[in-house]
Amino acid sequence: MRAALALWTERGFERGVEETTVEEIARAAGVTKGTFYFHFAHKEDILLELGWGTAEALYEEAVDGVAGGLPAGTILDGLLVSLARRVESVPKVATARSVAEFSRTDASVRTSGHFAIWRSFAVVVGVDREQGLLSDDVDVDEVAIMLEVLVMDALLSWARYDMPLIALLRQRAAVVLAGARATHPSVSSRPQCVPPDAAVAGGDVDRPAATPSP
């Protein structure tokens, strides 16, 4: 993956992905073309692998947070901070291409044998429901998937505009969780999954959300 990313960064992600051949990637990585195809069916799959690796790391962080007895809000904010740190370590155009590749890929391919980001959110939302912050009839996976959708949209917005990523992520998370709690009458007086200061941090971001590429 590092060899491909280096070549694409050098040539520019706008055209580098298409113009760089599998042979060039394999040569830069010091492997044969056959070895490359053993790991990746297409060179674009490298972009998907970036997301899968991040999703697995976030899931492990969420599980560790629960095992350590951390509050749901602390775990979720930690996940958003970790995600922002990982995303900001690669060129913005690489993030945009990776998100676009995910949106074009069939859901069965995206999840088969791989971690999805929503799974780490499901861990946190599950704790939120156990603590009584969400009604028992709230579908944990559904809320987690909504979080993933808005987080992916936040990544696109950040990649296209000059915006603080962590503020965007916190804002989107706060919107989803506020909606999930809307039917719970006692939530307003209870601790929130997203810390109050995190929600405020995202309040300055008012640009309309970007629409994921088809």
C-alpha atoms as a PDB file:
ATOM      1  CA  MET A   1       0.000   0.000   0.000  1.00  0.00           C
ATOM      2  CA  ARG A   2       2.790   2.417   0.881  1.00  0.00           C
ATOM      3  CA  ALA A   3       4.368   1.979  -2.547  1.00  0.00           C
ATOM      4  CA  ALA A   4       1.097   2.761  -4.319  1.00  0.00           C
ATOM      5  CA  LEU A   5       0.370   5.758  -2.108  1.00  0.00           C
ATOM      6  CA  ALA A   6       3.859   7.124  -2.716  1.00  0.00           C
ATOM      7  CA  LEU A   7       3.459   6.834  -6.485  1.00  0.00           C
ATOM      8  CA  TRP A   8      -0.028   8.331  -6.462  1.00  0.00           C
ATOM      9  CA  THR A   9       1.064  11.185  -4.222  1.00  0.00           C
ATOM     10  CA  GLU A  10       4.048  11.904  -6.450  1.00  0.00           C
ATOM     11  CA  ARG A  11       1.909  11.933  -9.602  1.00  0.00           C
ATOM     12  CA  GLY A  12      -1.148  13.514  -8.022  1.00  0.00           C
ATOM     13  CA  PHE A  13      -4.205  11.546  -6.957  1.00  0.00           C
ATOM     14  CA  GLU A  14      -6.375  13.372  -9.495  1.00  0.00           C
ATOM     15  CA  ARG A  15      -4.780  11.311 -12.280  1.00  0.00           C
ATOM     16  CA  GLY A  16      -2.171   9.172 -10.570  1.00  0.00           C
ATOM     17  CA  VAL A  17      -4.485   6.297  -9.669  1.00  0.00           C
ATOM     18  CA  GLU A  18      -5.570   5.836 -13.271  1.00  0.00           C
ATOM     19  CA  GLU A  19      -2.171   6.474 -14.849  1.00  0.00           C
ATOM     20  CA  THR A  20      -0.119   4.256 -12.523  1.00  0.00           C
ATOM     21  CA  THR A  21       0.000   0.622 -13.628  1.00  0.00           C
ATOM     22  CA  VAL A  22      -0.031  -2.468 -11.451  1.00  0.00           C
ATOM     23  CA  GLU A  23       3.421  -3.303 -12.812  1.00  0.00           C
ATOM     24  CA  GLU A  24       4.774   0.017 -11.524  1.00  0.00           C
ATOM     25  CA  ILE A  25       3.221  -0.482  -8.101  1.00  0.00           C
ATOM     26  CA  ALA A  26       4.577  -4.031  -7.831  1.00  0.00           C
ATOM     27  CA  ARG A  27       8.045  -2.903  -8.918  1.00  0.00           C
ATOM     28  CA  ALA A  28       8.080  -0.077  -6.376  1.00  0.00           C
ATOM     29  CA  ALA A  29       6.966  -2.498  -3.651  1.00  0.00           C
ATOM     30  CA  GLY A  30       9.583  -5.060  -4.626  1.00  0.00           C
ATOM     31  CA  VAL A  31       7.062  -7.818  -5.357  1.00  0.00           C
ATOM     32  CA  THR A  32       5.858  -9.630  -8.444  1.00  0.00           C
ATOM     33  CA  LYS A  33       2.674  -8.758 -10.287  1.00  0.00           C
ATOM     34  CA  GLY A  34       1.257 -12.120  -9.213  1.00  0.00           C
ATOM     35  CA  THR A  35       1.892 -11.300  -5.565  1.00  0.00           C
ATOM     36  CA  PHE A  36       0.077  -8.002  -5.982  1.00  0.00           C
ATOM     37  CA  TYR A  37      -2.985  -9.719  -7.430  1.00  0.00           C
ATOM     38  CA  PHE A  38      -2.895 -12.267  -4.613  1.00  0.00           C
ATOM     39  CA  HIS A  39      -3.665  -9.403  -2.205  1.00  0.00           C
ATOM     40  CA  PHE A  40      -5.675  -7.043  -4.416  1.00  0.00           C
ATOM     41  CA  ALA A  41      -8.080  -7.811  -7.259  1.00  0.00           C
ATOM     42  CA  HIS A  42      -7.722  -4.241  -8.551  1.00  0.00           C
ATOM     43  CA  LYS A  43      -5.328  -1.422  -7.788  1.00  0.00           C
ATOM     44  CA  GLU A  44      -8.301   0.665  -6.586  1.00  0.00           C
ATOM     45  CA  ASP A  45      -8.776  -1.894  -3.800  1.00  0.00           C
ATOM     46  CA  ILE A  46      -5.791  -0.295  -2.087  1.00  0.00           C
ATOM     47  CA  LEU A  47      -8.019   2.709  -1.411  1.00  0.00           C
ATOM     48  CA  LEU A  48     -10.563   0.394   0.213  1.00  0.00           C
ATOM     49  CA  GLU A  49      -7.842  -1.235   2.294  1.00  0.00           C
ATOM     50  CA  LEU A  50      -7.004   2.151   3.778  1.00  0.00           C
ATOM     51  CA  GLY A  51     -10.553   2.417   5.085  1.00  0.00           C
ATOM     52  CA  TRP A  52     -10.672  -1.164   6.329  1.00  0.00           C
ATOM     53  CA  GLY A  53      -7.436  -0.743   8.267  1.00  0.00           C
ATOM     54  CA  THR A  54      -8.731   2.410   9.910  1.00  0.00           C
ATOM     55  CA  ALA A  55     -12.068   0.761  10.734  1.00  0.00           C
ATOM     56  CA  GLU A  56     -10.355  -2.197  12.416  1.00  0.00           C
ATOM     57  CA  ALA A  57      -8.140   0.095  14.503  1.00  0.00           C
ATOM     58  CA  LEU A  58     -11.153   2.146  15.611  1.00  0.00           C
ATOM     59  CA  TYR A  59     -13.096  -0.985  16.539  1.00  0.00           C
ATOM     60  CA  GLU A  60     -10.250  -2.228  18.722  1.00  0.00           C
ATOM     61  CA  GLU A  61     -10.046   1.197  20.367  1.00  0.00           C
ATOM     62  CA  ALA A  62     -13.787   1.149  21.096  1.00  0.00           C
ATOM     63  CA  VAL A  63     -13.644  -2.338  22.601  1.00  0.00           C
ATOM     64  CA  ASP A  64     -10.649  -1.363  24.741  1.00  0.00           C
ATOM     65  CA  GLY A  65     -12.512   1.719  25.934  1.00  0.00           C
ATOM     66  CA  VAL A  66     -15.516  -0.322  27.014  1.00  0.00           C
ATOM     67  CA  ALA A  67     -13.293  -2.879  28.727  1.00  0.00           C
ATOM     68  CA  GLY A  68     -11.584  -0.031  30.566  1.00  0.00           C
ATOM     69  CA  GLY A  69     -14.889   1.270  31.851  1.00  0.00           C
ATOM     70  CA  LEU A  70     -14.661   4.610  30.043  1.00  0.00           C
ATOM     71  CA  PRO A  71     -17.859   6.653  29.584  1.00  0.00           C
ATOM     72  CA  ALA A  72     -19.500   6.325  26.187  1.00  0.00           C
ATOM     73  CA  GLY A  73     -18.880   9.997  25.423  1.00  0.00           C
ATOM     74  CA  THR A  74     -15.172   9.670  26.117  1.00  0.00           C
ATOM     75  CA  ILE A  75     -14.873   6.599  23.900  1.00  0.00           C
ATOM     76  CA  LEU A  76     -16.752   8.188  21.008  1.00  0.00           C
ATOM     77  CA  ASP A  77     -14.776  11.409  21.138  1.00  0.00           C
ATOM     78  CA  GLY A  78     -11.573   9.373  21.239  1.00  0.00           C
ATOM     79  CA  LEU A  79     -12.683   7.514  18.108  1.00  0.00           C
ATOM     80  CA  LEU A  80     -13.387  10.779  16.300  1.00  0.00           C
ATOM     81  CA  VAL A  81     -10.008  12.207  17.324  1.00  0.00           C
ATOM     82  CA  SER A  82      -8.215   9.042  16.183  1.00  0.00           C
ATOM     83  CA  LEU A  83     -10.085   9.071  12.877  1.00  0.00           C
ATOM     84  CA  ALA A  84      -9.227  12.720  12.292  1.00  0.00           C
ATOM     85  CA  ARG A  85      -5.564  12.070  13.064  1.00  0.00           C
ATOM     86  CA  ARG A  86      -5.373   9.156  10.625  1.00  0.00           C
ATOM     87  CA  VAL A  87      -7.207  11.000   7.850  1.00  0.00           C
ATOM     88  CA  GLU A  88      -5.138  14.142   8.212  1.00  0.00           C
ATOM     89  CA  SER A  89      -1.960  12.097   7.778  1.00  0.00           C
ATOM     90  CA  VAL A  90      -2.718  11.507   4.076  1.00  0.00           C
ATOM     91  CA  PRO A  91      -3.369  14.011   1.264  1.00  0.00           C
ATOM     92  CA  LYS A  92      -6.931  15.355   1.160  1.00  0.00           C
ATOM     93  CA  VAL A  93      -7.391  14.156  -2.388  1.00  0.00           C
ATOM     94  CA  ALA A  94      -6.498  10.628  -1.241  1.00  0.00           C
ATOM     95  CA  THR A  95      -9.273  10.795   1.331  1.00  0.00           C
ATOM     96  CA  ALA A  96     -11.760  12.007  -1.269  1.00  0.00           C
ATOM     97  CA  ARG A  97     -10.794   9.196  -3.664  1.00  0.00           C
ATOM     98  CA  SER A  98     -11.027   6.589  -0.913  1.00  0.00           C
ATOM     99  CA  VAL A  99     -14.499   7.744   0.176  1.00  0.00           C
ATOM    100  CA  ALA A 100     -15.654   7.878  -3.444  1.00  0.00           C
ATOM    101  CA  GLU A 101     -14.337   4.338  -4.014  1.00  0.00           C
ATOM    102  CA  PHE A 102     -16.308   3.086  -1.021  1.00  0.00           C
ATOM    103  CA  SER A 103     -19.480   4.727  -2.316  1.00  0.00           C
ATOM    104  CA  ARG A 104     -19.052   2.985  -5.682  1.00  0.00           C
ATOM    105  CA  THR A 105     -18.381  -0.429  -4.172  1.00  0.00           C
ATOM    106  CA  ASP A 106     -21.155  -2.917  -3.517  1.00  0.00           C
ATOM    107  CA  ALA A 107     -22.041  -3.164   0.180  1.00  0.00           C
ATOM    108  CA  SER A 108     -21.373  -6.914   0.251  1.00  0.00           C
ATOM    109  CA  VAL A 109     -17.807  -6.287  -0.937  1.00  0.00           C
ATOM    110  CA  ARG A 110     -17.264  -3.458   1.550  1.00  0.00           C
ATOM    111  CA  THR A 111     -18.226  -5.582   4.551  1.00  0.00           C
ATOM    112  CA  SER A 112     -17.371  -9.162   3.563  1.00  0.00           C
ATOM    113  CA  GLY A 113     -14.467 -10.253   5.729  1.00  0.00           C
ATOM    114  CA  HIS A 114     -13.660  -6.658   6.653  1.00  0.00           C
ATOM    115  CA  PHE A 115     -14.388  -4.215   9.430  1.00  0.00           C
ATOM    116  CA  ALA A 116     -16.656  -1.266   8.728  1.00  0.00           C
ATOM    117  CA  ILE A 117     -16.432   2.001  10.651  1.00  0.00           C
ATOM    118  CA  TRP A 118     -20.026   1.695  11.816  1.00  0.00           C
ATOM    119  CA  ARG A 119     -19.078  -1.346  13.900  1.00  0.00           C
ATOM    120  CA  SER A 120     -16.908   0.759  16.198  1.00  0.00           C
ATOM    121  CA  PHE A 121     -19.755   3.255  16.536  1.00  0.00           C
ATOM    122  CA  ALA A 122     -22.137   0.388  17.342  1.00  0.00           C
ATOM    123  CA  VAL A 123     -19.976  -0.528  20.333  1.00  0.00           C
ATOM    124  CA  VAL A 124     -20.343   2.989  21.720  1.00  0.00           C
ATOM    125  CA  VAL A 125     -24.029   3.359  20.898  1.00  0.00           C
ATOM    126  CA  GLY A 126     -24.639   0.034  22.618  1.00  0.00           C
ATOM    127  CA  VAL A 127     -23.061   1.391  25.797  1.00  0.00           C
ATOM    128  CA  ASP A 128     -25.157   4.538  25.413  1.00  0.00           C
ATOM    129  CA  ARG A 129     -28.335   2.418  25.354  1.00  0.00           C
ATOM    130  CA  GLU A 130     -27.199   0.289  28.289  1.00  0.00           C
ATOM    131  CA  GLN A 131     -26.689   3.463  30.306  1.00  0.00           C
ATOM    132  CA  GLY A 132     -30.271   4.503  29.603  1.00  0.00           C
ATOM    133  CA  LEU A 133     -29.427   7.368  27.263  1.00  0.00           C
ATOM    134  CA  LEU A 134     -31.299   5.694  24.400  1.00  0.00           C
ATOM    135  CA  SER A 135     -34.632   3.924  24.457  1.00  0.00           C
ATOM    136  CA  ASP A 136     -34.532   0.133  24.474  1.00  0.00           C
ATOM    137  CA  ASP A 137     -36.288   0.027  21.109  1.00  0.00           C
ATOM    138  CA  VAL A 138     -33.532   2.035  19.379  1.00  0.00           C
ATOM    139  CA  ASP A 139     -31.708  -0.075  16.767  1.00  0.00           C
ATOM    140  CA  VAL A 140     -28.017   0.224  17.713  1.00  0.00           C
ATOM    141  CA  ASP A 141     -26.733  -0.860  14.303  1.00  0.00           C
ATOM    142  CA  GLU A 142     -29.035   1.568  12.501  1.00  0.00           C
ATOM    143  CA  VAL A 143     -27.803   4.517  14.571  1.00  0.00           C
ATOM    144  CA  ALA A 144     -24.199   3.394  14.041  1.00  0.00           C
ATOM    145  CA  ILE A 145     -24.710   3.201  10.274  1.00  0.00           C
ATOM    146  CA  MET A 146     -26.192   6.706  10.261  1.00  0.00           C
ATOM    147  CA  LEU A 147     -23.112   7.880  12.137  1.00  0.00           C
ATOM    148  CA  GLU A 148     -20.895   6.265   9.502  1.00  0.00           C
ATOM    149  CA  VAL A 149     -22.809   7.912   6.638  1.00  0.00           C
ATOM    150  CA  LEU A 150     -22.478  11.400   8.133  1.00  0.00           C
ATOM    151  CA  VAL A 151     -18.850  10.802   9.080  1.00  0.00           C
ATOM    152  CA  MET A 152     -18.033   9.820   5.490  1.00  0.00           C
ATOM    153  CA  ASP A 153     -19.804  12.957   4.305  1.00  0.00           C
ATOM    154  CA  ALA A 154     -17.760  14.991   6.791  1.00  0.00           C
ATOM    155  CA  LEU A 155     -14.565  13.532   5.321  1.00  0.00           C
ATOM    156  CA  LEU A 156     -15.655  14.643   1.856  1.00  0.00           C
ATOM    157  CA  SER A 157     -16.500  18.136   3.114  1.00  0.00           C
ATOM    158  CA  TRP A 158     -13.114  18.409   4.790  1.00  0.00           C
ATOM    159  CA  ALA A 159     -11.322  17.175   1.672  1.00  0.00           C
ATOM    160  CA  ARG A 160     -13.073  19.722  -0.547  1.00  0.00           C
ATOM    161  CA  TYR A 161     -13.169  22.771   1.705  1.00  0.00           C
ATOM    162  CA  ASP A 162     -11.002  24.463   4.319  1.00  0.00           C
ATOM    163  CA  MET A 163     -12.685  23.124   7.441  1.00  0.00           C
ATOM    164  CA  PRO A 164     -11.473  21.791  10.809  1.00  0.00           C
ATOM    165  CA  LEU A 165     -12.013  18.037  10.533  1.00  0.00           C
ATOM    166  CA  ILE A 166     -12.491  17.205  14.207  1.00  0.00           C
ATOM    167  CA  ALA A 167     -15.147  19.924  14.551  1.00  0.00           C
ATOM    168  CA  LEU A 168     -17.002  18.509  11.551  1.00  0.00           C
ATOM    169  CA  LEU A 169     -16.894  14.969  12.927  1.00  0.00           C
ATOM    170  CA  ARG A 170     -18.120  16.045  16.358  1.00  0.00           C
ATOM    171  CA  GLN A 171     -20.924  18.076  14.853  1.00  0.00           C
ATOM    172  CA  ARG A 172     -22.192  15.209  12.705  1.00  0.00           C
ATOM    173  CA  ALA A 173     -22.026  12.774  15.628  1.00  0.00           C
ATOM    174  CA  ALA A 174     -23.952  15.168  17.859  1.00  0.00           C
ATOM    175  CA  VAL A 175     -26.698  15.551  15.228  1.00  0.00           C
ATOM    176  CA  VAL A 176     -27.226  11.793  14.882  1.00  0.00           C
ATOM    177  CA  LEU A 177     -27.244  11.117  18.609  1.00  0.00           C
ATOM    178  CA  ALA A 178     -29.568  14.032  19.322  1.00  0.00           C
ATOM    179  CA  GLY A 179     -32.027  12.568  16.835  1.00  0.00           C
ATOM    180  CA  ALA A 180     -31.719   9.095  18.345  1.00  0.00           C
ATOM    181  CA  ARG A 181     -32.490  10.509  21.796  1.00  0.00           C
ATOM    182  CA  ALA A 182     -35.386  12.666  20.649  1.00  0.00           C
ATOM    183  CA  THR A 183     -37.958  10.077  21.752  1.00  0.00           C
ATOM    184  CA  HIS A 184     -36.356   9.520  25.165  1.00  0.00           C
ATOM    185  CA  PRO A 185     -38.081  11.877  27.637  1.00  0.00           C
ATOM    186  CA  SER A 186     -35.387  11.800  30.318  1.00  0.00           C
ATOM    187  CA  VAL A 187     -32.310  12.298  28.139  1.00  0.00           C
ATOM    188  CA  SER A 188     -32.081  16.071  28.515  1.00  0.00           C
ATOM    189  CA  SER A 189     -31.056  15.693  32.148  1.00  0.00           C
ATOM    190  CA  ARG A 190     -28.631  12.828  31.590  1.00  0.00           C
ATOM    191  CA  PRO A 191     -24.931  12.773  30.540  1.00  0.00           C
ATOM    192  CA  GLN A 192     -24.456  12.831  26.783  1.00  0.00           C
ATOM    193  CA  CYS A 193     -22.558  10.335  24.632  1.00  0.00           C
ATOM    194  CA  VAL A 194     -20.798  13.234  22.896  1.00  0.00           C
ATOM    195  CA  PRO A 195     -19.301  15.556  25.544  1.00  0.00           C
ATOM    196  CA  PRO A 196     -20.944  19.016  25.628  1.00  0.00           C
ATOM    197  CA  ASP A 197     -17.674  20.735  24.703  1.00  0.00           C
ATOM    198  CA  ALA A 198     -17.376  18.455  21.661  1.00  0.00           C
ATOM    199  CA  ALA A 199     -20.787  19.545  20.406  1.00  0.00           C
ATOM    200  CA  VAL A 200     -19.885  23.172  20.903  1.00  0.00           C
ATOM    201  CA  ALA A 201     -16.635  22.656  19.022  1.00  0.00           C
ATOM    202  CA  GLY A 202     -18.605  21.653  15.964  1.00  0.00           C
ATOM    203  CA  GLY A 203     -21.078  24.494  16.223  1.00  0.00           C
ATOM    204  CA  ASP A 204     -18.973  26.898  14.203  1.00  0.00           C
ATOM    205  CA  VAL A 205     -19.092  24.675  11.143  1.00  0.00           C
ATOM    206  CA  ASP A 206     -22.105  25.807   9.140  1.00  0.00           C
ATOM    207  CA  ARG A 207     -21.224  24.942   5.541  1.00  0.00           C
ATOM    208  CA  PRO A 208     -23.813  22.619   3.945  1.00  0.00           C
ATOM    209  CA  ALA A 209     -22.766  18.984   3.840  1.00  0.00           C
ATOM    210  CA  ALA A 210     -21.090  17.736   0.703  1.00  0.00           C
ATOM    211  CA  THR A 211     -22.868  15.112  -1.375  1.00  0.00           C
ATOM    212  CA  PRO A 212     -20.872  11.867  -1.779  1.00  0.00           C
ATOM    213  CA  SER A 213     -19.832  11.062  -5.305  1.00  0.00           C
ATOM    214  CA  PRO A 214     -22.095   8.572  -7.079  1.00  0.00           C
END
